[in-house]
Amino acid sequence: MAPRTRAEALSRERIVEAAVALLDADGERGLTFRTLTERLSTGPGAIYWHVPNKGALLDAATAFVISTALTVEPAGSPQDEIRAIGLSLFEAIERHPWLGQQLALQLSRSPRGSVTPRIFESVGQRVSALGVPEATWFTATSALVHYIFGAAGQNAANSRVLGPGVDRAEFLRAAADAWEELDPEEFPFLRAVAAEARDHDDREQFLTGIELILVGMTGGSRRP
């Protein structure tokens, strides 16, 4: 048997996993073919054998992370599975700060690409299983997907703005204290919810949003 070439020995999966690690560490700016060749201890030709350019590499890294996040075991009811998928995507975007922007770009640039159809299909199958009218499947699924992207992306953006040296609980306390000091006639709502904002849990808040959408589309009551 003939020995494998370097390009054959270096798998596409290894390249994509290394790209994800570089993106997690330094963002899109940190992902270059030079840094990738250094990390993999190989030459650029072996990488180009599998991935033609940086754009294709970003797409592959995004698809890799999303396919992992969408691997959700059946959890009972369609509602339970939607919650599980939503939380899995939320946590993926939180773990990979570059992911939210790439999802937004792919959603607007290439709706027929590998990522967008997978997400819509995964959520949409559960929406159709809820028994809602078929005429509302697209609208209901879009509402869920865009909520997940928006809420998860904003949470990840907040984490980036705060930075690693900022204590989240301390930041929330300071924000809530500032709201409580606002003019009561001009800002009655913010003053009323300040205490809740001070102690809220991001994941629970995210899941509450999904719950509200599910209740709205099924006409049922919220779970206990």
C-alpha atoms as a PDB file:
ATOM      1  CA  MET A   1       0.000   0.000   0.000  1.00  0.00           C
ATOM      2  CA  ALA A   2       1.365   3.393  -0.973  1.00  0.00           C
ATOM      3  CA  PRO A   3       2.112   5.804   1.904  1.00  0.00           C
ATOM      4  CA  ARG A   4      -0.420   8.603   2.427  1.00  0.00           C
ATOM      5  CA  THR A   5       0.532  12.107   1.377  1.00  0.00           C
ATOM      6  CA  ARG A   6       0.589  14.888   3.980  1.00  0.00           C
ATOM      7  CA  ALA A   7      -2.597  16.363   2.483  1.00  0.00           C
ATOM      8  CA  GLU A   8      -4.352  13.017   2.872  1.00  0.00           C
ATOM      9  CA  ALA A   9      -3.057  12.445   6.416  1.00  0.00           C
ATOM     10  CA  LEU A  10      -4.342  15.855   7.555  1.00  0.00           C
ATOM     11  CA  SER A  11      -8.105  15.468   7.712  1.00  0.00           C
ATOM     12  CA  ARG A  12     -10.623  18.218   7.102  1.00  0.00           C
ATOM     13  CA  GLU A  13     -12.032  17.552  10.563  1.00  0.00           C
ATOM     14  CA  ARG A  14      -8.664  18.248  12.212  1.00  0.00           C
ATOM     15  CA  ILE A  15      -8.360  21.483  10.263  1.00  0.00           C
ATOM     16  CA  VAL A  16     -11.837  22.643  11.256  1.00  0.00           C
ATOM     17  CA  GLU A  17     -11.315  21.754  14.925  1.00  0.00           C
ATOM     18  CA  ALA A  18      -8.051  23.723  14.938  1.00  0.00           C
ATOM     19  CA  ALA A  19      -9.800  26.653  13.273  1.00  0.00           C
ATOM     20  CA  VAL A  20     -12.510  26.631  15.959  1.00  0.00           C
ATOM     21  CA  ALA A  21      -9.834  26.690  18.679  1.00  0.00           C
ATOM     22  CA  LEU A  22      -8.103  29.680  17.041  1.00  0.00           C
ATOM     23  CA  LEU A  23     -11.409  31.512  16.639  1.00  0.00           C
ATOM     24  CA  ASP A  24     -12.284  30.891  20.283  1.00  0.00           C
ATOM     25  CA  ALA A  25      -8.907  32.220  21.418  1.00  0.00           C
ATOM     26  CA  ASP A  26      -8.484  35.291  19.220  1.00  0.00           C
ATOM     27  CA  GLY A  27     -11.584  35.781  17.104  1.00  0.00           C
ATOM     28  CA  GLU A  28     -11.688  36.048  13.340  1.00  0.00           C
ATOM     29  CA  ARG A  29      -8.536  38.164  13.281  1.00  0.00           C
ATOM     30  CA  GLY A  30      -6.615  35.327  14.886  1.00  0.00           C
ATOM     31  CA  LEU A  31      -7.604  32.832  12.206  1.00  0.00           C
ATOM     32  CA  THR A  32      -5.188  32.957   9.301  1.00  0.00           C
ATOM     33  CA  PHE A  33      -3.724  30.198   7.198  1.00  0.00           C
ATOM     34  CA  ARG A  34      -0.367  31.031   8.736  1.00  0.00           C
ATOM     35  CA  THR A  35      -1.556  30.543  12.320  1.00  0.00           C
ATOM     36  CA  LEU A  36      -3.400  27.422  11.230  1.00  0.00           C
ATOM     37  CA  THR A  37      -0.318  25.881   9.614  1.00  0.00           C
ATOM     38  CA  GLU A  38       1.692  26.660  12.754  1.00  0.00           C
ATOM     39  CA  ARG A  39      -0.927  25.054  14.995  1.00  0.00           C
ATOM     40  CA  LEU A  40      -1.132  21.942  12.835  1.00  0.00           C
ATOM     41  CA  SER A  41       2.618  21.801  12.131  1.00  0.00           C
ATOM     42  CA  THR A  42       2.037  21.486   8.424  1.00  0.00           C
ATOM     43  CA  GLY A  43       2.359  23.447   5.212  1.00  0.00           C
ATOM     44  CA  PRO A  44      -0.345  25.612   3.614  1.00  0.00           C
ATOM     45  CA  GLY A  45      -0.691  23.242   0.667  1.00  0.00           C
ATOM     46  CA  ALA A  46      -2.007  20.486   2.926  1.00  0.00           C
ATOM     47  CA  ILE A  47      -4.705  22.830   4.249  1.00  0.00           C
ATOM     48  CA  TYR A  48      -5.664  24.206   0.824  1.00  0.00           C
ATOM     49  CA  TRP A  49      -6.137  20.589  -0.245  1.00  0.00           C
ATOM     50  CA  HIS A  50      -9.211  20.531   1.999  1.00  0.00           C
ATOM     51  CA  VAL A  51     -10.276  24.189   2.359  1.00  0.00           C
ATOM     52  CA  PRO A  52      -9.849  26.673  -0.522  1.00  0.00           C
ATOM     53  CA  ASN A  53      -9.976  29.968   1.411  1.00  0.00           C
ATOM     54  CA  LYS A  54     -10.716  31.646   4.730  1.00  0.00           C
ATOM     55  CA  GLY A  55     -14.383  32.187   3.927  1.00  0.00           C
ATOM     56  CA  ALA A  56     -14.875  28.476   3.367  1.00  0.00           C
ATOM     57  CA  LEU A  57     -12.967  27.785   6.580  1.00  0.00           C
ATOM     58  CA  LEU A  58     -15.257  30.109   8.590  1.00  0.00           C
ATOM     59  CA  ASP A  59     -18.305  28.448   7.059  1.00  0.00           C
ATOM     60  CA  ALA A  60     -16.946  25.004   7.927  1.00  0.00           C
ATOM     61  CA  ALA A  61     -16.152  26.040  11.511  1.00  0.00           C
ATOM     62  CA  THR A  62     -19.657  27.479  11.920  1.00  0.00           C
ATOM     63  CA  ALA A  63     -21.268  24.346  10.491  1.00  0.00           C
ATOM     64  CA  PHE A  64     -19.164  22.139  12.772  1.00  0.00           C
ATOM     65  CA  VAL A  65     -20.192  23.960  15.953  1.00  0.00           C
ATOM     66  CA  ILE A  66     -23.856  24.184  14.947  1.00  0.00           C
ATOM     67  CA  SER A  67     -24.109  20.519  13.957  1.00  0.00           C
ATOM     68  CA  THR A  68     -22.788  19.617  17.403  1.00  0.00           C
ATOM     69  CA  ALA A  69     -25.236  21.986  19.114  1.00  0.00           C
ATOM     70  CA  LEU A  70     -28.165  20.522  17.181  1.00  0.00           C
ATOM     71  CA  THR A  71     -27.368  16.981  18.296  1.00  0.00           C
ATOM     72  CA  VAL A  72     -30.135  16.855  20.877  1.00  0.00           C
ATOM     73  CA  GLU A  73     -31.475  13.559  22.101  1.00  0.00           C
ATOM     74  CA  PRO A  74     -35.286  13.193  22.126  1.00  0.00           C
ATOM     75  CA  ALA A  75     -36.393  14.778  25.381  1.00  0.00           C
ATOM     76  CA  GLY A  76     -40.081  13.966  25.488  1.00  0.00           C
ATOM     77  CA  SER A  77     -42.528  16.483  24.069  1.00  0.00           C
ATOM     78  CA  PRO A  78     -41.820  18.774  21.085  1.00  0.00           C
ATOM     79  CA  GLN A  79     -41.823  21.690  23.538  1.00  0.00           C
ATOM     80  CA  ASP A  80     -39.108  20.007  25.611  1.00  0.00           C
ATOM     81  CA  GLU A  81     -37.011  19.391  22.506  1.00  0.00           C
ATOM     82  CA  ILE A  82     -37.403  23.012  21.360  1.00  0.00           C
ATOM     83  CA  ARG A  83     -36.229  24.184  24.788  1.00  0.00           C
ATOM     84  CA  ALA A  84     -33.263  21.793  24.603  1.00  0.00           C
ATOM     85  CA  ILE A  85     -32.283  22.927  21.099  1.00  0.00           C
ATOM     86  CA  GLY A  86     -32.654  26.581  22.039  1.00  0.00           C
ATOM     87  CA  LEU A  87     -30.518  26.224  25.161  1.00  0.00           C
ATOM     88  CA  SER A  88     -27.889  24.212  23.276  1.00  0.00           C
ATOM     89  CA  LEU A  89     -27.601  26.961  20.648  1.00  0.00           C
ATOM     90  CA  PHE A  90     -27.559  29.619  23.388  1.00  0.00           C
ATOM     91  CA  GLU A  91     -24.658  27.888  25.116  1.00  0.00           C
ATOM     92  CA  ALA A  92     -22.793  27.331  21.836  1.00  0.00           C
ATOM     93  CA  ILE A  93     -22.968  31.033  21.009  1.00  0.00           C
ATOM     94  CA  GLU A  94     -21.886  31.852  24.568  1.00  0.00           C
ATOM     95  CA  ARG A  95     -18.872  29.490  24.354  1.00  0.00           C
ATOM     96  CA  HIS A  96     -17.833  30.668  20.883  1.00  0.00           C
ATOM     97  CA  PRO A  97     -17.976  34.503  20.828  1.00  0.00           C
ATOM     98  CA  TRP A  98     -17.388  34.639  17.044  1.00  0.00           C
ATOM     99  CA  LEU A  99     -20.337  32.372  16.249  1.00  0.00           C
ATOM    100  CA  GLY A 100     -23.175  34.897  16.509  1.00  0.00           C
ATOM    101  CA  GLN A 101     -21.740  37.152  13.814  1.00  0.00           C
ATOM    102  CA  GLN A 102     -21.024  34.220  11.511  1.00  0.00           C
ATOM    103  CA  LEU A 103     -24.583  32.940  11.908  1.00  0.00           C
ATOM    104  CA  ALA A 104     -25.980  36.367  11.076  1.00  0.00           C
ATOM    105  CA  LEU A 105     -23.745  36.620   8.004  1.00  0.00           C
ATOM    106  CA  GLN A 106     -24.652  33.172   6.756  1.00  0.00           C
ATOM    107  CA  LEU A 107     -28.347  33.717   7.385  1.00  0.00           C
ATOM    108  CA  SER A 108     -28.364  36.876   5.255  1.00  0.00           C
ATOM    109  CA  ARG A 109     -25.743  35.851   2.690  1.00  0.00           C
ATOM    110  CA  SER A 110     -26.467  32.195   2.038  1.00  0.00           C
ATOM    111  CA  PRO A 111     -29.905  30.977   3.156  1.00  0.00           C
ATOM    112  CA  ARG A 112     -29.308  27.804   1.152  1.00  0.00           C
ATOM    113  CA  GLY A 113     -25.987  27.071   2.843  1.00  0.00           C
ATOM    114  CA  SER A 114     -25.382  24.218   5.237  1.00  0.00           C
ATOM    115  CA  VAL A 115     -26.160  26.015   8.501  1.00  0.00           C
ATOM    116  CA  THR A 116     -29.445  27.885   8.050  1.00  0.00           C
ATOM    117  CA  PRO A 117     -31.420  24.908   6.671  1.00  0.00           C
ATOM    118  CA  ARG A 118     -30.194  22.669   9.507  1.00  0.00           C
ATOM    119  CA  ILE A 119     -31.346  25.109  12.195  1.00  0.00           C
ATOM    120  CA  PHE A 120     -34.732  25.792  10.583  1.00  0.00           C
ATOM    121  CA  GLU A 121     -35.301  22.092   9.903  1.00  0.00           C
ATOM    122  CA  SER A 122     -34.402  21.093  13.451  1.00  0.00           C
ATOM    123  CA  VAL A 123     -36.709  23.680  15.026  1.00  0.00           C
ATOM    124  CA  GLY A 124     -39.363  23.425  12.336  1.00  0.00           C
ATOM    125  CA  GLN A 125     -39.867  19.684  12.747  1.00  0.00           C
ATOM    126  CA  ARG A 126     -40.714  20.254  16.398  1.00  0.00           C
ATOM    127  CA  VAL A 127     -42.986  23.202  15.590  1.00  0.00           C
ATOM    128  CA  SER A 128     -44.957  21.074  13.120  1.00  0.00           C
ATOM    129  CA  ALA A 129     -45.245  18.349  15.768  1.00  0.00           C
ATOM    130  CA  LEU A 130     -46.961  20.803  18.130  1.00  0.00           C
ATOM    131  CA  GLY A 131     -50.132  20.591  16.067  1.00  0.00           C
ATOM    132  CA  VAL A 132     -50.202  24.267  15.092  1.00  0.00           C
ATOM    133  CA  PRO A 133     -51.815  25.084  11.720  1.00  0.00           C
ATOM    134  CA  GLU A 134     -49.494  24.375   8.787  1.00  0.00           C
ATOM    135  CA  ALA A 135     -50.069  27.907   7.481  1.00  0.00           C
ATOM    136  CA  THR A 136     -48.243  29.247  10.558  1.00  0.00           C
ATOM    137  CA  TRP A 137     -45.251  26.861  10.520  1.00  0.00           C
ATOM    138  CA  PHE A 138     -42.888  29.271   8.792  1.00  0.00           C
ATOM    139  CA  THR A 139     -43.847  32.286  10.900  1.00  0.00           C
ATOM    140  CA  ALA A 140     -43.707  30.361  14.172  1.00  0.00           C
ATOM    141  CA  THR A 141     -40.370  28.728  13.340  1.00  0.00           C
ATOM    142  CA  SER A 142     -38.907  32.049  12.201  1.00  0.00           C
ATOM    143  CA  ALA A 143     -40.004  33.697  15.448  1.00  0.00           C
ATOM    144  CA  LEU A 144     -38.272  31.017  17.493  1.00  0.00           C
ATOM    145  CA  VAL A 145     -35.071  30.962  15.433  1.00  0.00           C
ATOM    146  CA  HIS A 146     -34.711  34.738  15.343  1.00  0.00           C
ATOM    147  CA  TYR A 147     -35.405  34.972  19.066  1.00  0.00           C
ATOM    148  CA  ILE A 148     -32.714  32.358  19.762  1.00  0.00           C
ATOM    149  CA  PHE A 149     -30.186  34.151  17.550  1.00  0.00           C
ATOM    150  CA  GLY A 150     -31.034  37.558  18.958  1.00  0.00           C
ATOM    151  CA  ALA A 151     -31.103  36.667  22.644  1.00  0.00           C
ATOM    152  CA  ALA A 152     -28.051  34.412  22.496  1.00  0.00           C
ATOM    153  CA  GLY A 153     -26.109  36.907  20.388  1.00  0.00           C
ATOM    154  CA  GLN A 154     -26.921  39.771  22.752  1.00  0.00           C
ATOM    155  CA  ASN A 155     -25.888  37.691  25.759  1.00  0.00           C
ATOM    156  CA  ALA A 156     -22.563  36.861  24.105  1.00  0.00           C
ATOM    157  CA  ALA A 157     -22.064  40.521  23.164  1.00  0.00           C
ATOM    158  CA  ASN A 158     -22.698  41.571  26.753  1.00  0.00           C
ATOM    159  CA  SER A 159     -20.042  39.120  27.931  1.00  0.00           C
ATOM    160  CA  ARG A 160     -17.546  40.514  25.432  1.00  0.00           C
ATOM    161  CA  VAL A 161     -18.267  44.103  26.498  1.00  0.00           C
ATOM    162  CA  LEU A 162     -17.844  43.257  30.173  1.00  0.00           C
ATOM    163  CA  GLY A 163     -14.584  41.466  29.511  1.00  0.00           C
ATOM    164  CA  PRO A 164     -12.921  38.738  31.580  1.00  0.00           C
ATOM    165  CA  GLY A 165     -11.990  41.039  34.453  1.00  0.00           C
ATOM    166  CA  VAL A 166     -15.491  42.336  35.176  1.00  0.00           C
ATOM    167  CA  ASP A 167     -17.708  40.565  37.695  1.00  0.00           C
ATOM    168  CA  ARG A 168     -21.160  40.085  36.139  1.00  0.00           C
ATOM    169  CA  ALA A 169     -23.031  40.091  39.459  1.00  0.00           C
ATOM    170  CA  GLU A 170     -21.342  43.304  40.492  1.00  0.00           C
ATOM    171  CA  PHE A 171     -22.185  44.903  37.154  1.00  0.00           C
ATOM    172  CA  LEU A 172     -25.857  43.902  37.481  1.00  0.00           C
ATOM    173  CA  ARG A 173     -26.013  45.251  41.017  1.00  0.00           C
ATOM    174  CA  ALA A 174     -24.593  48.577  39.888  1.00  0.00           C
ATOM    175  CA  ALA A 175     -27.047  48.760  36.965  1.00  0.00           C
ATOM    176  CA  ALA A 176     -30.013  47.898  39.197  1.00  0.00           C
ATOM    177  CA  ASP A 177     -28.925  50.454  41.783  1.00  0.00           C
ATOM    178  CA  ALA A 178     -28.753  53.080  39.037  1.00  0.00           C
ATOM    179  CA  TRP A 179     -32.272  52.184  37.829  1.00  0.00           C
ATOM    180  CA  GLU A 180     -33.672  52.474  41.334  1.00  0.00           C
ATOM    181  CA  GLU A 181     -32.318  56.023  41.534  1.00  0.00           C
ATOM    182  CA  LEU A 182     -34.084  57.159  38.346  1.00  0.00           C
ATOM    183  CA  ASP A 183     -36.928  59.674  38.431  1.00  0.00           C
ATOM    184  CA  PRO A 184     -40.016  57.663  39.546  1.00  0.00           C
ATOM    185  CA  GLU A 185     -42.383  59.655  37.330  1.00  0.00           C
ATOM    186  CA  GLU A 186     -40.273  59.316  34.184  1.00  0.00           C
ATOM    187  CA  PHE A 187     -39.062  55.720  34.696  1.00  0.00           C
ATOM    188  CA  PRO A 188     -41.650  53.847  36.789  1.00  0.00           C
ATOM    189  CA  PHE A 189     -41.160  50.578  34.907  1.00  0.00           C
ATOM    190  CA  LEU A 190     -37.365  50.419  35.235  1.00  0.00           C
ATOM    191  CA  ARG A 191     -37.598  51.199  38.929  1.00  0.00           C
ATOM    192  CA  ALA A 192     -40.176  48.420  39.348  1.00  0.00           C
ATOM    193  CA  VAL A 193     -38.032  45.724  37.661  1.00  0.00           C
ATOM    194  CA  ALA A 194     -34.652  46.802  39.053  1.00  0.00           C
ATOM    195  CA  ALA A 195     -34.645  44.140  41.766  1.00  0.00           C
ATOM    196  CA  GLU A 196     -35.496  41.401  39.259  1.00  0.00           C
ATOM    197  CA  ALA A 197     -32.737  42.578  36.901  1.00  0.00           C
ATOM    198  CA  ARG A 198     -30.245  42.530  39.764  1.00  0.00           C
ATOM    199  CA  ASP A 199     -30.740  38.829  40.473  1.00  0.00           C
ATOM    200  CA  HIS A 200     -31.801  37.376  37.123  1.00  0.00           C
ATOM    201  CA  ASP A 201     -30.256  34.287  35.535  1.00  0.00           C
ATOM    202  CA  ASP A 202     -29.442  34.638  31.827  1.00  0.00           C
ATOM    203  CA  ARG A 203     -30.405  31.073  30.939  1.00  0.00           C
ATOM    204  CA  GLU A 204     -33.678  31.177  32.837  1.00  0.00           C
ATOM    205  CA  GLN A 205     -34.525  34.489  31.211  1.00  0.00           C
ATOM    206  CA  PHE A 206     -33.720  33.008  27.795  1.00  0.00           C
ATOM    207  CA  LEU A 207     -35.896  29.949  28.405  1.00  0.00           C
ATOM    208  CA  THR A 208     -38.748  32.173  29.610  1.00  0.00           C
ATOM    209  CA  GLY A 209     -38.657  33.916  26.246  1.00  0.00           C
ATOM    210  CA  ILE A 210     -38.933  30.583  24.438  1.00  0.00           C
ATOM    211  CA  GLU A 211     -41.783  29.640  26.751  1.00  0.00           C
ATOM    212  CA  LEU A 212     -43.708  32.801  25.895  1.00  0.00           C
ATOM    213  CA  ILE A 213     -43.375  32.072  22.177  1.00  0.00           C
ATOM    214  CA  LEU A 214     -44.501  28.470  22.664  1.00  0.00           C
ATOM    215  CA  VAL A 215     -47.526  29.571  24.672  1.00  0.00           C
ATOM    216  CA  GLY A 216     -48.391  32.118  22.024  1.00  0.00           C
ATOM    217  CA  MET A 217     -48.246  29.611  19.173  1.00  0.00           C
ATOM    218  CA  THR A 218     -50.115  26.794  20.953  1.00  0.00           C
ATOM    219  CA  GLY A 219     -52.586  28.868  22.939  1.00  0.00           C
ATOM    220  CA  GLY A 220     -51.763  26.836  26.032  1.00  0.00           C
ATOM    221  CA  SER A 221     -50.658  27.768  29.500  1.00  0.00           C
ATOM    222  CA  ARG A 222     -47.104  28.105  30.653  1.00  0.00           C
ATOM    223  CA  ARG A 223     -45.447  25.105  32.254  1.00  0.00           C
ATOM    224  CA  PRO A 224     -45.082  25.258  36.040  1.00  0.00           C
END
